N, C-alpha and C. Protein backbone atom coordinates (compact mmCIF):
# COMPACT_ATOMS: atom_id res chain seq x y z
N MET A 1 0.29 -15.94 -23.95
CA MET A 1 -0.34 -14.63 -23.93
C MET A 1 -0.34 -14.12 -22.50
N GLY A 2 0.07 -12.89 -22.29
CA GLY A 2 0.18 -12.33 -20.96
C GLY A 2 -1.03 -11.51 -20.57
N VAL A 3 -1.00 -11.10 -19.33
CA VAL A 3 -2.04 -10.24 -18.79
C VAL A 3 -1.57 -8.79 -18.95
N THR A 4 -2.44 -7.94 -19.47
CA THR A 4 -2.09 -6.55 -19.67
C THR A 4 -2.95 -5.67 -18.77
N THR A 5 -2.28 -4.80 -18.03
CA THR A 5 -3.00 -3.81 -17.24
C THR A 5 -2.54 -2.43 -17.70
N VAL A 6 -3.44 -1.47 -17.53
CA VAL A 6 -3.13 -0.08 -17.88
C VAL A 6 -3.60 0.82 -16.75
N LYS A 7 -2.95 1.96 -16.63
CA LYS A 7 -3.33 2.94 -15.63
C LYS A 7 -4.29 3.93 -16.27
N VAL A 8 -5.43 4.13 -15.62
CA VAL A 8 -6.40 5.12 -16.10
C VAL A 8 -6.86 5.98 -14.93
N ILE A 9 -7.36 7.14 -15.27
CA ILE A 9 -7.97 8.03 -14.29
C ILE A 9 -9.46 8.08 -14.60
N VAL A 10 -10.27 7.90 -13.58
CA VAL A 10 -11.72 7.91 -13.73
C VAL A 10 -12.28 9.12 -13.00
N LYS A 11 -13.25 9.80 -13.65
CA LYS A 11 -13.88 10.97 -13.06
C LYS A 11 -15.40 10.88 -13.21
N ASN A 12 -16.10 11.56 -12.31
CA ASN A 12 -17.54 11.72 -12.44
C ASN A 12 -17.77 12.84 -13.44
N PRO A 13 -18.57 12.59 -14.51
CA PRO A 13 -18.80 13.65 -15.50
C PRO A 13 -19.45 14.90 -14.92
N LEU A 14 -20.18 14.76 -13.82
CA LEU A 14 -20.86 15.91 -13.21
C LEU A 14 -19.96 16.69 -12.27
N THR A 15 -18.93 16.03 -11.72
CA THR A 15 -17.97 16.68 -10.82
C THR A 15 -16.56 16.21 -11.17
N PRO A 16 -16.03 16.64 -12.32
CA PRO A 16 -14.75 16.13 -12.81
C PRO A 16 -13.52 16.51 -11.99
N SER A 17 -13.69 17.39 -11.01
CA SER A 17 -12.53 17.75 -10.19
C SER A 17 -12.14 16.62 -9.24
N ASN A 18 -13.05 15.71 -8.96
CA ASN A 18 -12.79 14.56 -8.11
C ASN A 18 -12.45 13.37 -9.01
N SER A 19 -11.32 12.70 -8.75
CA SER A 19 -10.91 11.60 -9.62
C SER A 19 -10.36 10.43 -8.81
N SER A 20 -10.22 9.31 -9.51
CA SER A 20 -9.65 8.10 -8.93
C SER A 20 -8.74 7.47 -9.97
N GLU A 21 -7.51 7.18 -9.59
CA GLU A 21 -6.55 6.58 -10.52
C GLU A 21 -6.31 5.14 -10.12
N GLY A 22 -6.22 4.25 -11.11
CA GLY A 22 -5.99 2.85 -10.78
C GLY A 22 -5.55 2.03 -11.98
N GLU A 23 -5.14 0.81 -11.67
CA GLU A 23 -4.74 -0.17 -12.70
C GLU A 23 -5.97 -0.98 -13.10
N PHE A 24 -6.19 -1.09 -14.40
CA PHE A 24 -7.32 -1.85 -14.94
C PHE A 24 -6.80 -2.98 -15.82
N LEU A 25 -7.37 -4.15 -15.65
CA LEU A 25 -7.06 -5.28 -16.51
C LEU A 25 -7.71 -5.04 -17.87
N VAL A 26 -6.94 -5.13 -18.94
CA VAL A 26 -7.49 -4.99 -20.29
C VAL A 26 -8.17 -6.29 -20.64
N ASP A 27 -9.47 -6.22 -20.91
CA ASP A 27 -10.26 -7.42 -21.21
C ASP A 27 -11.03 -7.20 -22.50
N SER A 28 -10.43 -7.62 -23.62
CA SER A 28 -11.07 -7.41 -24.92
C SER A 28 -12.29 -8.32 -25.09
N GLY A 29 -12.53 -9.22 -24.15
CA GLY A 29 -13.73 -10.05 -24.17
C GLY A 29 -14.88 -9.44 -23.40
N ALA A 30 -14.61 -8.35 -22.69
CA ALA A 30 -15.66 -7.65 -21.94
C ALA A 30 -16.15 -6.48 -22.76
N HIS A 31 -17.44 -6.33 -22.86
CA HIS A 31 -18.00 -5.24 -23.64
C HIS A 31 -17.77 -3.90 -22.95
N TYR A 32 -18.14 -3.82 -21.68
CA TYR A 32 -18.04 -2.57 -20.93
C TYR A 32 -16.85 -2.55 -19.98
N THR A 33 -16.43 -1.36 -19.62
CA THR A 33 -15.47 -1.17 -18.54
C THR A 33 -16.21 -1.33 -17.22
N VAL A 34 -15.58 -2.04 -16.28
CA VAL A 34 -16.18 -2.25 -14.96
C VAL A 34 -15.38 -1.46 -13.94
N LEU A 35 -16.07 -0.61 -13.19
CA LEU A 35 -15.44 0.16 -12.13
C LEU A 35 -15.67 -0.55 -10.79
N PRO A 36 -14.62 -0.72 -9.98
CA PRO A 36 -14.79 -1.32 -8.65
C PRO A 36 -15.74 -0.48 -7.80
N ASP A 37 -16.41 -1.12 -6.86
CA ASP A 37 -17.37 -0.41 -6.02
C ASP A 37 -16.74 0.74 -5.24
N THR A 38 -15.46 0.61 -4.89
CA THR A 38 -14.80 1.70 -4.16
C THR A 38 -14.70 2.96 -5.00
N VAL A 39 -14.47 2.81 -6.30
CA VAL A 39 -14.40 3.95 -7.22
C VAL A 39 -15.80 4.55 -7.40
N VAL A 40 -16.80 3.68 -7.56
CA VAL A 40 -18.18 4.14 -7.74
C VAL A 40 -18.60 4.99 -6.54
N LYS A 41 -18.29 4.50 -5.34
CA LYS A 41 -18.66 5.22 -4.12
C LYS A 41 -17.87 6.52 -3.97
N LYS A 42 -16.57 6.46 -4.21
CA LYS A 42 -15.73 7.65 -4.06
C LYS A 42 -16.18 8.78 -4.99
N LEU A 43 -16.51 8.42 -6.23
CA LEU A 43 -16.88 9.43 -7.22
C LEU A 43 -18.38 9.73 -7.22
N LYS A 44 -19.13 8.98 -6.43
CA LYS A 44 -20.59 9.18 -6.32
C LYS A 44 -21.27 9.09 -7.69
N LEU A 45 -20.89 8.04 -8.44
CA LEU A 45 -21.48 7.84 -9.76
C LEU A 45 -22.91 7.33 -9.63
N LYS A 46 -23.77 7.81 -10.49
CA LYS A 46 -25.19 7.46 -10.45
C LYS A 46 -25.53 6.55 -11.63
N PRO A 47 -26.39 5.55 -11.40
CA PRO A 47 -26.78 4.66 -12.48
C PRO A 47 -27.82 5.27 -13.41
N SER A 48 -27.80 4.81 -14.66
CA SER A 48 -28.82 5.18 -15.64
C SER A 48 -29.87 4.09 -15.74
N TYR A 49 -29.42 2.83 -15.68
CA TYR A 49 -30.32 1.69 -15.75
C TYR A 49 -29.59 0.43 -15.30
N THR A 50 -30.33 -0.66 -15.18
CA THR A 50 -29.77 -1.96 -14.78
C THR A 50 -29.84 -2.91 -15.97
N GLN A 51 -28.80 -3.73 -16.10
CA GLN A 51 -28.73 -4.67 -17.22
C GLN A 51 -28.25 -6.02 -16.73
N GLU A 52 -28.67 -7.08 -17.40
CA GLU A 52 -28.19 -8.43 -17.09
C GLU A 52 -26.93 -8.72 -17.91
N PHE A 53 -26.03 -9.48 -17.27
CA PHE A 53 -24.78 -9.90 -17.92
C PHE A 53 -24.59 -11.39 -17.72
N SER A 54 -24.04 -12.04 -18.72
CA SER A 54 -23.72 -13.46 -18.65
C SER A 54 -22.23 -13.60 -18.37
N LEU A 55 -21.89 -14.31 -17.29
CA LEU A 55 -20.48 -14.52 -16.93
C LEU A 55 -19.93 -15.75 -17.63
N ALA A 56 -18.61 -15.87 -17.63
CA ALA A 56 -17.94 -16.99 -18.30
C ALA A 56 -18.38 -18.34 -17.74
N ASP A 57 -18.76 -18.38 -16.46
CA ASP A 57 -19.19 -19.66 -15.86
C ASP A 57 -20.68 -19.94 -16.08
N GLY A 58 -21.35 -19.08 -16.86
CA GLY A 58 -22.75 -19.29 -17.19
C GLY A 58 -23.74 -18.58 -16.28
N ARG A 59 -23.27 -18.03 -15.17
CA ARG A 59 -24.18 -17.31 -14.27
C ARG A 59 -24.65 -16.01 -14.93
N ILE A 60 -25.86 -15.61 -14.58
CA ILE A 60 -26.42 -14.34 -15.02
C ILE A 60 -26.45 -13.43 -13.80
N ILE A 61 -25.91 -12.22 -13.96
CA ILE A 61 -25.93 -11.23 -12.87
C ILE A 61 -26.54 -9.94 -13.39
N LYS A 62 -26.98 -9.10 -12.48
CA LYS A 62 -27.48 -7.78 -12.83
C LYS A 62 -26.53 -6.74 -12.27
N ARG A 63 -26.23 -5.74 -13.08
CA ARG A 63 -25.40 -4.63 -12.64
C ARG A 63 -25.97 -3.33 -13.19
N LYS A 64 -25.69 -2.25 -12.49
CA LYS A 64 -26.13 -0.93 -12.91
C LYS A 64 -25.10 -0.35 -13.88
N LEU A 65 -25.60 0.38 -14.86
CA LEU A 65 -24.74 1.08 -15.81
C LEU A 65 -24.88 2.57 -15.65
N GLY A 66 -23.79 3.27 -15.87
CA GLY A 66 -23.78 4.72 -15.82
C GLY A 66 -22.72 5.24 -16.77
N SER A 67 -22.31 6.46 -16.55
CA SER A 67 -21.27 7.08 -17.38
C SER A 67 -20.14 7.57 -16.49
N ALA A 68 -18.94 7.55 -17.05
CA ALA A 68 -17.77 8.09 -16.36
C ALA A 68 -16.84 8.71 -17.40
N LEU A 69 -16.05 9.66 -16.96
CA LEU A 69 -14.97 10.18 -17.79
C LEU A 69 -13.76 9.29 -17.55
N ILE A 70 -13.19 8.78 -18.61
CA ILE A 70 -11.99 7.95 -18.53
C ILE A 70 -10.85 8.71 -19.18
N ASN A 71 -9.75 8.87 -18.45
CA ASN A 71 -8.55 9.50 -18.98
C ASN A 71 -7.54 8.40 -19.21
N PHE A 72 -7.20 8.19 -20.48
CA PHE A 72 -6.27 7.12 -20.88
C PHE A 72 -5.22 7.72 -21.80
N LYS A 73 -3.97 7.63 -21.37
CA LYS A 73 -2.84 8.13 -22.16
C LYS A 73 -3.02 9.60 -22.53
N GLY A 74 -3.53 10.40 -21.57
CA GLY A 74 -3.64 11.83 -21.77
C GLY A 74 -4.88 12.28 -22.52
N ARG A 75 -5.72 11.35 -22.93
CA ARG A 75 -6.97 11.71 -23.62
C ARG A 75 -8.14 11.33 -22.73
N GLU A 76 -9.20 12.12 -22.80
CA GLU A 76 -10.34 11.90 -21.90
C GLU A 76 -11.64 11.86 -22.67
N LEU A 77 -12.46 10.84 -22.35
CA LEU A 77 -13.76 10.66 -22.99
C LEU A 77 -14.78 10.19 -21.97
N ALA A 78 -16.04 10.53 -22.21
CA ALA A 78 -17.15 9.97 -21.43
C ALA A 78 -17.54 8.65 -22.08
N VAL A 79 -17.62 7.60 -21.27
CA VAL A 79 -17.97 6.28 -21.77
C VAL A 79 -18.98 5.61 -20.84
N PRO A 80 -19.76 4.65 -21.38
CA PRO A 80 -20.63 3.87 -20.51
C PRO A 80 -19.80 2.90 -19.68
N VAL A 81 -20.16 2.74 -18.42
CA VAL A 81 -19.41 1.84 -17.53
C VAL A 81 -20.38 1.04 -16.67
N VAL A 82 -19.92 -0.13 -16.25
CA VAL A 82 -20.64 -0.92 -15.27
C VAL A 82 -20.24 -0.41 -13.89
N LEU A 83 -21.22 -0.09 -13.07
CA LEU A 83 -20.95 0.36 -11.71
C LEU A 83 -20.83 -0.88 -10.84
N GLY A 84 -19.60 -1.29 -10.64
CA GLY A 84 -19.32 -2.55 -9.96
C GLY A 84 -19.82 -2.60 -8.53
N GLU A 85 -20.00 -3.82 -8.08
CA GLU A 85 -20.38 -4.09 -6.70
C GLU A 85 -19.20 -4.73 -5.99
N LYS A 86 -19.34 -4.94 -4.68
CA LYS A 86 -18.26 -5.52 -3.89
C LYS A 86 -17.78 -6.81 -4.53
N GLY A 87 -16.46 -6.90 -4.72
CA GLY A 87 -15.86 -8.09 -5.32
C GLY A 87 -15.64 -8.00 -6.82
N ASP A 88 -16.23 -7.01 -7.49
CA ASP A 88 -16.04 -6.86 -8.93
C ASP A 88 -14.66 -6.25 -9.20
N SER A 89 -13.98 -6.78 -10.19
CA SER A 89 -12.63 -6.32 -10.54
C SER A 89 -12.66 -5.15 -11.51
N ALA A 90 -11.58 -4.38 -11.52
CA ALA A 90 -11.42 -3.26 -12.46
C ALA A 90 -11.03 -3.81 -13.83
N LEU A 91 -11.94 -3.65 -14.79
CA LEU A 91 -11.71 -4.13 -16.15
C LEU A 91 -11.86 -3.00 -17.14
N LEU A 92 -11.01 -2.95 -18.13
CA LEU A 92 -11.14 -1.99 -19.23
C LEU A 92 -11.66 -2.77 -20.42
N GLY A 93 -12.93 -2.53 -20.78
CA GLY A 93 -13.60 -3.30 -21.82
C GLY A 93 -13.41 -2.73 -23.22
N VAL A 94 -13.90 -3.50 -24.18
CA VAL A 94 -13.67 -3.19 -25.59
C VAL A 94 -14.37 -1.90 -26.02
N THR A 95 -15.52 -1.55 -25.45
CA THR A 95 -16.18 -0.30 -25.82
C THR A 95 -15.28 0.89 -25.51
N THR A 96 -14.66 0.88 -24.35
CA THR A 96 -13.74 1.97 -23.98
C THR A 96 -12.50 1.94 -24.87
N LEU A 97 -11.95 0.76 -25.08
CA LEU A 97 -10.75 0.64 -25.93
C LEU A 97 -11.01 1.20 -27.33
N GLU A 98 -12.13 0.80 -27.92
CA GLU A 98 -12.44 1.26 -29.26
C GLU A 98 -12.74 2.76 -29.29
N SER A 99 -13.31 3.29 -28.22
CA SER A 99 -13.56 4.73 -28.14
C SER A 99 -12.25 5.52 -28.22
N PHE A 100 -11.18 4.92 -27.71
CA PHE A 100 -9.86 5.56 -27.75
C PHE A 100 -9.06 5.15 -28.98
N GLY A 101 -9.68 4.42 -29.90
CA GLY A 101 -9.01 4.03 -31.13
C GLY A 101 -8.08 2.85 -30.97
N VAL A 102 -8.28 2.07 -29.91
CA VAL A 102 -7.46 0.87 -29.68
C VAL A 102 -8.34 -0.33 -29.92
N GLY A 103 -8.31 -0.86 -31.16
CA GLY A 103 -9.11 -2.03 -31.49
C GLY A 103 -8.33 -3.31 -31.30
N HIS A 104 -8.95 -4.42 -31.62
CA HIS A 104 -8.28 -5.73 -31.48
C HIS A 104 -6.98 -5.79 -32.26
N SER A 105 -6.97 -5.20 -33.45
CA SER A 105 -5.77 -5.28 -34.28
C SER A 105 -4.72 -4.27 -33.86
N LYS A 106 -5.08 -3.33 -32.97
CA LYS A 106 -4.14 -2.29 -32.55
C LYS A 106 -3.95 -2.31 -31.04
N LEU A 107 -3.82 -3.47 -30.46
CA LEU A 107 -3.74 -3.57 -29.01
C LEU A 107 -2.34 -3.21 -28.53
N ILE A 108 -1.97 -1.97 -28.80
CA ILE A 108 -0.69 -1.42 -28.36
C ILE A 108 -0.99 -0.40 -27.29
N LEU A 109 -0.76 -0.77 -26.05
CA LEU A 109 -1.19 0.05 -24.92
C LEU A 109 -0.05 0.75 -24.21
N ALA A 110 1.17 0.32 -24.43
CA ALA A 110 2.31 0.89 -23.71
C ALA A 110 2.68 2.25 -24.23
């Protein structure tokens, strides 16, 4: 099984004229999409609340959640996202995938 990345454009829902484009690792085991801290800062995304997450190695971390506009394959939706901190990787989670109609059985991203 290979690693799949996709190109997406991320925007702040309050100021959609400012955007950030990047490659995101498709992670069907992650619930939320994680935005790198550089994207969060560039787009000036604001948190709605903080939530705890359990990592694969058993550690528990806290991260802020907010909303972002995600443009994927020419379609754009507002989705909940994790506002990543320094060192957090760009991940496209299952909530975003399913919002775009790409479920586990339809993992055709190209």
